[in-house]
Amino acid sequence: MKRIINAVTIALSVMLIAACGRPLVPINERERENYEKIIAGQIIECVYGLDANGSCLKEGEDGIWR
């Protein structure tokens, strides 16, 4: 019985560590630069504004995906 409890505890611990790890989301270099500027409290200069990912919008874009 004690072995089963230990095995379940170890299995749950491994699952918790795997679930709480850092997600692997690819971020392009421009978005990373803008994110680091925002975190540092700097202002990002974008003529047409920022989208939700931190990229500068181009002329005519509104940042809404259709």
N, C-alpha and C. Protein backbone atom coordinates (compact mmCIF):
# COMPACT_ATOMS: atom_id res chain seq x y z
N MET A 1 0.83 -1.19 0.00
CA MET A 1 0.00 0.00 0.00
C MET A 1 0.88 1.26 0.00
N LYS A 2 1.97 1.18 0.78
CA LYS A 2 2.86 2.33 0.86
C LYS A 2 3.53 2.60 -0.49
N ARG A 3 3.88 1.55 -1.23
CA ARG A 3 4.48 1.72 -2.55
C ARG A 3 3.52 2.39 -3.52
N ILE A 4 2.26 2.04 -3.45
CA ILE A 4 1.25 2.64 -4.33
C ILE A 4 1.13 4.13 -4.04
N ILE A 5 1.09 4.47 -2.75
CA ILE A 5 0.98 5.88 -2.37
C ILE A 5 2.21 6.65 -2.84
N ASN A 6 3.39 6.08 -2.68
CA ASN A 6 4.61 6.73 -3.15
C ASN A 6 4.62 6.89 -4.67
N ALA A 7 4.18 5.86 -5.39
CA ALA A 7 4.14 5.92 -6.85
C ALA A 7 3.16 6.99 -7.32
N VAL A 8 2.00 7.06 -6.69
CA VAL A 8 1.00 8.08 -7.04
C VAL A 8 1.54 9.47 -6.73
N THR A 9 2.19 9.64 -5.60
CA THR A 9 2.76 10.94 -5.23
C THR A 9 3.82 11.38 -6.23
N ILE A 10 4.68 10.47 -6.62
CA ILE A 10 5.72 10.80 -7.60
C ILE A 10 5.10 11.13 -8.95
N ALA A 11 4.11 10.35 -9.37
CA ALA A 11 3.45 10.61 -10.65
C ALA A 11 2.76 11.97 -10.66
N LEU A 12 2.08 12.30 -9.57
CA LEU A 12 1.41 13.61 -9.49
C LEU A 12 2.43 14.75 -9.45
N SER A 13 3.54 14.54 -8.79
CA SER A 13 4.59 15.57 -8.74
C SER A 13 5.17 15.82 -10.13
N VAL A 14 5.42 14.76 -10.88
CA VAL A 14 5.96 14.90 -12.24
C VAL A 14 4.95 15.61 -13.13
N MET A 15 3.68 15.27 -13.02
CA MET A 15 2.65 15.93 -13.83
C MET A 15 2.53 17.41 -13.48
N LEU A 16 2.63 17.73 -12.20
CA LEU A 16 2.55 19.13 -11.77
C LEU A 16 3.72 19.93 -12.32
N ILE A 17 4.91 19.38 -12.25
CA ILE A 17 6.09 20.07 -12.77
C ILE A 17 5.98 20.26 -14.29
N ALA A 18 5.50 19.24 -14.98
CA ALA A 18 5.34 19.34 -16.44
C ALA A 18 4.27 20.36 -16.82
N ALA A 19 3.19 20.41 -16.06
CA ALA A 19 2.09 21.33 -16.38
C ALA A 19 2.43 22.77 -16.06
N CYS A 20 3.26 23.00 -15.07
CA CYS A 20 3.57 24.37 -14.65
C CYS A 20 4.85 24.91 -15.28
N GLY A 21 5.40 24.20 -16.23
CA GLY A 21 6.60 24.67 -16.90
C GLY A 21 6.29 25.83 -17.82
N ARG A 22 7.32 26.49 -18.28
CA ARG A 22 7.16 27.62 -19.18
C ARG A 22 6.66 27.14 -20.54
N PRO A 23 5.61 27.75 -21.07
CA PRO A 23 5.10 27.33 -22.38
C PRO A 23 6.08 27.71 -23.48
N LEU A 24 6.13 26.91 -24.51
CA LEU A 24 7.02 27.17 -25.63
C LEU A 24 6.25 27.87 -26.74
N VAL A 25 6.19 29.19 -26.66
CA VAL A 25 5.48 29.98 -27.64
C VAL A 25 6.51 30.79 -28.42
N PRO A 26 6.57 30.59 -29.73
CA PRO A 26 7.55 31.36 -30.50
C PRO A 26 7.15 32.83 -30.60
N ILE A 27 8.09 33.72 -30.32
CA ILE A 27 7.86 35.16 -30.39
C ILE A 27 8.90 35.73 -31.35
N ASN A 28 8.43 36.51 -32.33
CA ASN A 28 9.40 37.07 -33.26
C ASN A 28 10.22 38.16 -32.58
N GLU A 29 11.32 38.52 -33.17
CA GLU A 29 12.29 39.41 -32.55
C GLU A 29 11.71 40.79 -32.27
N ARG A 30 10.91 41.31 -33.18
CA ARG A 30 10.33 42.66 -33.01
C ARG A 30 9.38 42.68 -31.82
N GLU A 31 8.54 41.66 -31.69
CA GLU A 31 7.62 41.60 -30.56
C GLU A 31 8.39 41.47 -29.25
N ARG A 32 9.47 40.70 -29.26
CA ARG A 32 10.29 40.53 -28.04
C ARG A 32 10.92 41.86 -27.64
N GLU A 33 11.43 42.62 -28.61
CA GLU A 33 12.03 43.92 -28.32
C GLU A 33 10.99 44.87 -27.71
N ASN A 34 9.80 44.90 -28.30
CA ASN A 34 8.75 45.77 -27.78
C ASN A 34 8.32 45.33 -26.39
N TYR A 35 8.20 44.03 -26.15
CA TYR A 35 7.83 43.51 -24.84
C TYR A 35 8.86 43.93 -23.79
N GLU A 36 10.14 43.79 -24.12
CA GLU A 36 11.19 44.16 -23.17
C GLU A 36 11.19 45.66 -22.89
N LYS A 37 10.87 46.47 -23.90
CA LYS A 37 10.76 47.92 -23.68
C LYS A 37 9.60 48.24 -22.75
N ILE A 38 8.46 47.57 -22.95
CA ILE A 38 7.29 47.82 -22.09
C ILE A 38 7.60 47.43 -20.65
N ILE A 39 8.23 46.28 -20.45
CA ILE A 39 8.58 45.82 -19.11
C ILE A 39 9.55 46.80 -18.44
N ALA A 40 10.46 47.37 -19.23
CA ALA A 40 11.44 48.32 -18.69
C ALA A 40 10.84 49.71 -18.47
N GLY A 41 9.58 49.91 -18.87
CA GLY A 41 8.91 51.19 -18.67
C GLY A 41 9.20 52.20 -19.76
N GLN A 42 9.75 51.76 -20.87
CA GLN A 42 10.04 52.66 -21.98
C GLN A 42 8.81 52.80 -22.87
N ILE A 43 8.82 53.82 -23.70
CA ILE A 43 7.71 54.08 -24.62
C ILE A 43 8.08 53.54 -25.99
N ILE A 44 7.13 52.88 -26.63
CA ILE A 44 7.33 52.34 -27.98
C ILE A 44 6.73 53.33 -28.97
N GLU A 45 7.52 53.73 -29.94
CA GLU A 45 7.07 54.68 -30.95
C GLU A 45 6.52 53.94 -32.16
N CYS A 46 5.21 53.94 -32.32
CA CYS A 46 4.55 53.35 -33.48
C CYS A 46 3.56 54.37 -34.02
N VAL A 47 3.71 54.71 -35.27
CA VAL A 47 2.88 55.74 -35.89
C VAL A 47 1.40 55.36 -35.85
N TYR A 48 1.09 54.09 -36.12
CA TYR A 48 -0.30 53.66 -36.23
C TYR A 48 -0.76 52.83 -35.03
N GLY A 49 0.05 52.76 -33.97
CA GLY A 49 -0.33 52.05 -32.76
C GLY A 49 0.22 50.64 -32.70
N LEU A 50 -0.12 49.95 -31.61
CA LEU A 50 0.33 48.58 -31.37
C LEU A 50 -0.83 47.61 -31.47
N ASP A 51 -0.53 46.38 -31.90
CA ASP A 51 -1.54 45.34 -31.84
C ASP A 51 -1.41 44.62 -30.49
N ALA A 52 -2.21 43.62 -30.27
CA ALA A 52 -2.23 42.91 -28.99
C ALA A 52 -0.94 42.16 -28.71
N ASN A 53 -0.15 41.84 -29.75
CA ASN A 53 1.10 41.10 -29.57
C ASN A 53 2.30 42.01 -29.38
N GLY A 54 2.10 43.31 -29.46
CA GLY A 54 3.20 44.24 -29.28
C GLY A 54 3.91 44.62 -30.56
N SER A 55 3.32 44.30 -31.69
CA SER A 55 3.90 44.69 -32.98
C SER A 55 3.30 46.01 -33.43
N CYS A 56 4.08 46.79 -34.15
CA CYS A 56 3.57 48.05 -34.68
C CYS A 56 2.60 47.75 -35.83
N LEU A 57 1.49 48.46 -35.82
CA LEU A 57 0.52 48.31 -36.91
C LEU A 57 1.00 49.07 -38.14
N LYS A 58 0.63 48.57 -39.30
CA LYS A 58 0.95 49.24 -40.55
C LYS A 58 -0.22 50.13 -40.93
N GLU A 59 -0.02 50.98 -41.90
CA GLU A 59 -1.06 51.89 -42.34
C GLU A 59 -2.28 51.11 -42.81
N GLY A 60 -3.44 51.47 -42.30
CA GLY A 60 -4.70 50.82 -42.68
C GLY A 60 -5.08 49.64 -41.80
N GLU A 61 -4.18 49.12 -41.00
CA GLU A 61 -4.50 47.99 -40.13
C GLU A 61 -5.15 48.50 -38.85
N ASP A 62 -6.05 47.69 -38.31
CA ASP A 62 -6.68 48.06 -37.05
C ASP A 62 -6.39 47.06 -35.93
N GLY A 63 -5.63 46.02 -36.22
CA GLY A 63 -5.25 45.05 -35.20
C GLY A 63 -6.30 43.98 -34.93
N ILE A 64 -7.39 43.99 -35.70
CA ILE A 64 -8.45 43.01 -35.52
C ILE A 64 -8.36 41.97 -36.64
N TRP A 65 -8.30 40.70 -36.25
CA TRP A 65 -8.22 39.61 -37.23
C TRP A 65 -9.60 39.30 -37.74
N ARG A 66 -9.73 39.13 -39.01
CA ARG A 66 -11.05 38.80 -39.57
C ARG A 66 -11.00 37.51 -40.30
